[in-house]
């Protein structure tokens, strides 16, 4: 009798890479002519998993967000896991935007993944929600490979990573 194989689906950000990308973005902002003498800033709060952008007006704030995203893409940080909040007024006539760093798979996205695999007619594949990650198991490694391919081809609004392959 064949054993069961499984893999885990997670969605995480490497906070060190996020910090490195923001350091590069800060250097670029310091060099740019349109930000000379500007009160633009990027602050990473690793405890709360948030990034706060501050600028003089909404136009500079959007430029700051573009710079940060570009640097993160170059460093391999999945920008799908960055959830921007509303632009709000801050002190000193500046504007601020708080971006939430999505760590783990939210419950609604996990349910969507489970529903997607069930709708894909993969009857021999079982999916279990385990906190902020998913475990996909099957007796056939080919079915697991097919499930991985199907998941890579669909957009769930977050970046999915596959790992922890096991055979028992």
C-alpha atoms as a PDB file:
ATOM      1  CA  UNK A   1       0.000   0.000   0.000  1.00  0.00           C
ATOM      2  CA  UNK A   2       1.351   3.408  -0.947  1.00  0.00           C
ATOM      3  CA  UNK A   3       2.027   5.959   1.751  1.00  0.00           C
ATOM      4  CA  UNK A   4       0.618   9.438   1.943  1.00  0.00           C
ATOM      5  CA  UNK A   5       2.589  12.406   0.637  1.00  0.00           C
ATOM      6  CA  UNK A   6       1.959  16.013   1.572  1.00  0.00           C
ATOM      7  CA  UNK A   7       3.201  19.571   1.286  1.00  0.00           C
ATOM      8  CA  UNK A   8       2.440  22.824   3.069  1.00  0.00           C
ATOM      9  CA  UNK A   9       1.234  26.063   1.528  1.00  0.00           C
ATOM     10  CA  UNK A  10       2.364  29.226   3.301  1.00  0.00           C
ATOM     11  CA  UNK A  11       2.456  32.926   2.546  1.00  0.00           C
ATOM     12  CA  UNK A  12       5.248  34.843   4.244  1.00  0.00           C
ATOM     13  CA  UNK A  13       7.520  37.811   3.740  1.00  0.00           C
ATOM     14  CA  UNK A  14      11.217  37.880   4.551  1.00  0.00           C
ATOM     15  CA  UNK A  15      11.314  40.941   6.810  1.00  0.00           C
ATOM     16  CA  UNK A  16      15.079  41.295   6.352  1.00  0.00           C
ATOM     17  CA  UNK A  17      14.583  41.594   2.581  1.00  0.00           C
ATOM     18  CA  UNK A  18      11.777  44.106   3.148  1.00  0.00           C
ATOM     19  CA  UNK A  19      14.126  46.154   5.339  1.00  0.00           C
ATOM     20  CA  UNK A  20      16.910  45.939   2.731  1.00  0.00           C
ATOM     21  CA  UNK A  21      14.516  47.041  -0.023  1.00  0.00           C
ATOM     22  CA  UNK A  22      13.355  49.996   2.089  1.00  0.00           C
ATOM     23  CA  UNK A  23      16.957  51.032   2.757  1.00  0.00           C
ATOM     24  CA  UNK A  24      17.595  51.054  -1.002  1.00  0.00           C
ATOM     25  CA  UNK A  25      14.375  53.020  -1.547  1.00  0.00           C
ATOM     26  CA  UNK A  26      15.408  55.591   1.068  1.00  0.00           C
ATOM     27  CA  UNK A  27      18.736  56.069  -0.724  1.00  0.00           C
ATOM     28  CA  UNK A  28      16.917  56.558  -4.025  1.00  0.00           C
ATOM     29  CA  UNK A  29      14.527  59.099  -2.477  1.00  0.00           C
ATOM     30  CA  UNK A  30      17.488  61.022  -1.030  1.00  0.00           C
ATOM     31  CA  UNK A  31      19.011  61.220  -4.541  1.00  0.00           C
ATOM     32  CA  UNK A  32      15.885  62.198  -6.450  1.00  0.00           C
ATOM     33  CA  UNK A  33      15.435  65.816  -7.450  1.00  0.00           C
ATOM     34  CA  UNK A  34      11.661  65.846  -6.859  1.00  0.00           C
ATOM     35  CA  UNK A  35      12.202  64.817  -3.210  1.00  0.00           C
ATOM     36  CA  UNK A  36      14.969  67.363  -2.380  1.00  0.00           C
ATOM     37  CA  UNK A  37      14.060  69.121   0.859  1.00  0.00           C
ATOM     38  CA  UNK A  38      10.943  66.996   1.206  1.00  0.00           C
ATOM     39  CA  UNK A  39       9.712  65.394   4.414  1.00  0.00           C
ATOM     40  CA  UNK A  40       9.254  61.984   2.801  1.00  0.00           C
ATOM     41  CA  UNK A  41       9.817  58.930   4.955  1.00  0.00           C
ATOM     42  CA  UNK A  42       9.389  55.167   5.151  1.00  0.00           C
ATOM     43  CA  UNK A  43       9.175  53.451   8.530  1.00  0.00           C
ATOM     44  CA  UNK A  44       9.008  49.683   8.999  1.00  0.00           C
ATOM     45  CA  UNK A  45       7.435  48.352  12.203  1.00  0.00           C
ATOM     46  CA  UNK A  46       8.451  44.689  12.342  1.00  0.00           C
ATOM     47  CA  UNK A  47       6.495  43.987  15.534  1.00  0.00           C
ATOM     48  CA  UNK A  48       3.166  45.061  14.022  1.00  0.00           C
ATOM     49  CA  UNK A  49       4.096  44.069  10.439  1.00  0.00           C
ATOM     50  CA  UNK A  50       3.338  47.521   9.065  1.00  0.00           C
ATOM     51  CA  UNK A  51       5.078  49.980   6.783  1.00  0.00           C
ATOM     52  CA  UNK A  52       4.249  53.666   7.153  1.00  0.00           C
ATOM     53  CA  UNK A  53       4.874  56.050   4.252  1.00  0.00           C
ATOM     54  CA  UNK A  54       4.844  59.798   4.911  1.00  0.00           C
ATOM     55  CA  UNK A  55       5.053  62.608   2.334  1.00  0.00           C
ATOM     56  CA  UNK A  56       4.048  66.237   1.782  1.00  0.00           C
ATOM     57  CA  UNK A  57       1.138  65.476  -0.556  1.00  0.00           C
ATOM     58  CA  UNK A  58      -0.707  62.560  -2.149  1.00  0.00           C
ATOM     59  CA  UNK A  59       1.305  62.804  -5.385  1.00  0.00           C
ATOM     60  CA  UNK A  60       4.638  62.412  -3.582  1.00  0.00           C
ATOM     61  CA  UNK A  61       3.133  59.675  -1.450  1.00  0.00           C
ATOM     62  CA  UNK A  62       2.175  57.674  -4.538  1.00  0.00           C
ATOM     63  CA  UNK A  63       5.684  58.209  -5.973  1.00  0.00           C
ATOM     64  CA  UNK A  64       7.145  56.985  -2.682  1.00  0.00           C
ATOM     65  CA  UNK A  65       4.909  53.884  -2.809  1.00  0.00           C
ATOM     66  CA  UNK A  66       6.056  53.188  -6.404  1.00  0.00           C
ATOM     67  CA  UNK A  67       9.722  53.449  -5.380  1.00  0.00           C
ATOM     68  CA  UNK A  68       9.176  51.096  -2.426  1.00  0.00           C
ATOM     69  CA  UNK A  69       7.327  48.553  -4.589  1.00  0.00           C
ATOM     70  CA  UNK A  70      10.010  48.644  -7.290  1.00  0.00           C
ATOM     71  CA  UNK A  71      12.779  48.017  -4.773  1.00  0.00           C
ATOM     72  CA  UNK A  72      10.837  45.175  -3.160  1.00  0.00           C
ATOM     73  CA  UNK A  73      10.241  43.486  -6.515  1.00  0.00           C
ATOM     74  CA  UNK A  74      13.967  43.702  -7.279  1.00  0.00           C
ATOM     75  CA  UNK A  75      14.747  42.048  -3.930  1.00  0.00           C
ATOM     76  CA  UNK A  76      12.241  39.242  -4.501  1.00  0.00           C
ATOM     77  CA  UNK A  77       9.642  40.390  -1.969  1.00  0.00           C
ATOM     78  CA  UNK A  78       6.108  39.440  -3.108  1.00  0.00           C
ATOM     79  CA  UNK A  79       4.199  42.736  -3.345  1.00  0.00           C
ATOM     80  CA  UNK A  80       0.888  40.834  -3.353  1.00  0.00           C
ATOM     81  CA  UNK A  81       1.326  40.518   0.396  1.00  0.00           C
ATOM     82  CA  UNK A  82       1.433  44.304   0.875  1.00  0.00           C
ATOM     83  CA  UNK A  83      -2.029  45.658   1.666  1.00  0.00           C
ATOM     84  CA  UNK A  84      -2.122  49.492   1.414  1.00  0.00           C
ATOM     85  CA  UNK A  85      -4.476  51.359   3.683  1.00  0.00           C
ATOM     86  CA  UNK A  86      -6.227  54.679   3.208  1.00  0.00           C
ATOM     87  CA  UNK A  87      -4.276  57.895   2.704  1.00  0.00           C
ATOM     88  CA  UNK A  88      -4.837  60.046   5.788  1.00  0.00           C
ATOM     89  CA  UNK A  89      -3.792  63.503   6.927  1.00  0.00           C
ATOM     90  CA  UNK A  90      -0.852  63.618   9.321  1.00  0.00           C
ATOM     91  CA  UNK A  91       0.776  66.344  11.410  1.00  0.00           C
ATOM     92  CA  UNK A  92       2.511  69.286   9.789  1.00  0.00           C
ATOM     93  CA  UNK A  93       0.376  69.275   6.653  1.00  0.00           C
ATOM     94  CA  UNK A  94       1.711  65.905   5.496  1.00  0.00           C
ATOM     95  CA  UNK A  95      -0.128  62.766   4.452  1.00  0.00           C
ATOM     96  CA  UNK A  96       0.448  59.230   5.647  1.00  0.00           C
ATOM     97  CA  UNK A  97      -0.386  55.742   4.426  1.00  0.00           C
ATOM     98  CA  UNK A  98      -0.051  52.564   6.465  1.00  0.00           C
ATOM     99  CA  UNK A  99       0.686  49.400   4.500  1.00  0.00           C
ATOM    100  CA  UNK A 100       0.032  46.086   6.240  1.00  0.00           C
ATOM    101  CA  UNK A 101       2.504  43.266   5.601  1.00  0.00           C
ATOM    102  CA  UNK A 102       0.428  40.093   5.183  1.00  0.00           C
ATOM    103  CA  UNK A 103       2.063  37.223   7.083  1.00  0.00           C
ATOM    104  CA  UNK A 104       0.361  33.853   6.739  1.00  0.00           C
ATOM    105  CA  UNK A 105      -2.705  32.900   4.763  1.00  0.00           C
ATOM    106  CA  UNK A 106      -5.876  34.699   5.912  1.00  0.00           C
ATOM    107  CA  UNK A 107      -8.911  32.514   6.633  1.00  0.00           C
ATOM    108  CA  UNK A 108     -10.938  33.709   3.641  1.00  0.00           C
ATOM    109  CA  UNK A 109      -8.011  33.045   1.256  1.00  0.00           C
ATOM    110  CA  UNK A 110      -7.506  29.598   2.817  1.00  0.00           C
ATOM    111  CA  UNK A 111     -11.174  28.757   2.222  1.00  0.00           C
ATOM    112  CA  UNK A 112     -10.840  29.995  -1.347  1.00  0.00           C
ATOM    113  CA  UNK A 113      -7.844  27.674  -1.919  1.00  0.00           C
ATOM    114  CA  UNK A 114      -9.766  24.701  -0.488  1.00  0.00           C
ATOM    115  CA  UNK A 115     -12.811  25.503  -2.645  1.00  0.00           C
ATOM    116  CA  UNK A 116     -10.603  25.946  -5.722  1.00  0.00           C
ATOM    117  CA  UNK A 117      -9.008  22.508  -5.284  1.00  0.00           C
ATOM    118  CA  UNK A 118     -12.397  20.876  -4.704  1.00  0.00           C
ATOM    119  CA  UNK A 119     -13.845  22.580  -7.791  1.00  0.00           C
ATOM    120  CA  UNK A 120     -10.826  21.399  -9.822  1.00  0.00           C
ATOM    121  CA  UNK A 121     -12.134  17.812  -9.409  1.00  0.00           C
ATOM    122  CA  UNK A 122      -9.051  16.637  -7.545  1.00  0.00           C
ATOM    123  CA  UNK A 123     -10.888  14.044  -5.485  1.00  0.00           C
ATOM    124  CA  UNK A 124      -7.793  12.276  -4.206  1.00  0.00           C
ATOM    125  CA  UNK A 125      -6.300  15.483  -2.784  1.00  0.00           C
ATOM    126  CA  UNK A 126      -7.198  16.494   0.780  1.00  0.00           C
ATOM    127  CA  UNK A 127      -6.618  20.019   2.079  1.00  0.00           C
ATOM    128  CA  UNK A 128      -6.484  20.884   5.779  1.00  0.00           C
ATOM    129  CA  UNK A 129      -6.372  24.412   7.190  1.00  0.00           C
ATOM    130  CA  UNK A 130      -3.780  24.576   9.966  1.00  0.00           C
ATOM    131  CA  UNK A 131      -3.770  28.054  11.447  1.00  0.00           C
ATOM    132  CA  UNK A 132      -2.238  30.408   8.890  1.00  0.00           C
ATOM    133  CA  UNK A 133      -1.065  27.666   6.531  1.00  0.00           C
ATOM    134  CA  UNK A 134      -2.549  24.765   4.573  1.00  0.00           C
ATOM    135  CA  UNK A 135      -1.513  21.121   4.336  1.00  0.00           C
ATOM    136  CA  UNK A 136      -2.278  19.353   1.066  1.00  0.00           C
ATOM    137  CA  UNK A 137      -2.023  15.555   1.115  1.00  0.00           C
ATOM    138  CA  UNK A 138      -2.636  12.692  -1.283  1.00  0.00           C
ATOM    139  CA  UNK A 139      -1.487   9.149  -1.916  1.00  0.00           C
ATOM    140  CA  UNK A 140      -0.326  10.112  -5.402  1.00  0.00           C
ATOM    141  CA  UNK A 141       2.629  12.461  -5.838  1.00  0.00           C
ATOM    142  CA  UNK A 142       1.353  13.175  -9.354  1.00  0.00           C
ATOM    143  CA  UNK A 143      -1.902  14.506  -7.892  1.00  0.00           C
ATOM    144  CA  UNK A 144       0.105  16.767  -5.576  1.00  0.00           C
ATOM    145  CA  UNK A 145       2.116  18.066  -8.538  1.00  0.00           C
ATOM    146  CA  UNK A 146      -1.117  18.727 -10.441  1.00  0.00           C
ATOM    147  CA  UNK A 147      -2.537  20.571  -7.412  1.00  0.00           C
ATOM    148  CA  UNK A 148       0.611  22.715  -7.208  1.00  0.00           C
ATOM    149  CA  UNK A 149       0.398  23.580 -10.905  1.00  0.00           C
ATOM    150  CA  UNK A 150      -3.279  24.486 -10.584  1.00  0.00           C
ATOM    151  CA  UNK A 151      -2.579  26.715  -7.565  1.00  0.00           C
ATOM    152  CA  UNK A 152       0.302  28.488  -9.329  1.00  0.00           C
ATOM    153  CA  UNK A 153      -1.973  29.258 -12.263  1.00  0.00           C
ATOM    154  CA  UNK A 154      -4.661  30.936 -10.148  1.00  0.00           C
ATOM    155  CA  UNK A 155      -4.473  34.323  -8.398  1.00  0.00           C
ATOM    156  CA  UNK A 156      -5.665  34.265  -4.779  1.00  0.00           C
ATOM    157  CA  UNK A 157      -4.531  37.826  -3.995  1.00  0.00           C
ATOM    158  CA  UNK A 158      -1.549  36.632  -1.942  1.00  0.00           C
ATOM    159  CA  UNK A 159       1.764  35.031  -2.825  1.00  0.00           C
ATOM    160  CA  UNK A 160       1.803  31.295  -2.104  1.00  0.00           C
ATOM    161  CA  UNK A 161       4.943  29.350  -1.194  1.00  0.00           C
ATOM    162  CA  UNK A 162       5.099  25.564  -1.276  1.00  0.00           C
ATOM    163  CA  UNK A 163       7.343  23.626   1.069  1.00  0.00           C
ATOM    164  CA  UNK A 164       7.749  20.916   3.694  1.00  0.00           C
ATOM    165  CA  UNK A 165       7.330  18.016   1.274  1.00  0.00           C
ATOM    166  CA  UNK A 166       6.781  14.734   3.120  1.00  0.00           C
ATOM    167  CA  UNK A 167       6.275  11.129   2.178  1.00  0.00           C
ATOM    168  CA  UNK A 168       5.143   8.585   4.750  1.00  0.00           C
END
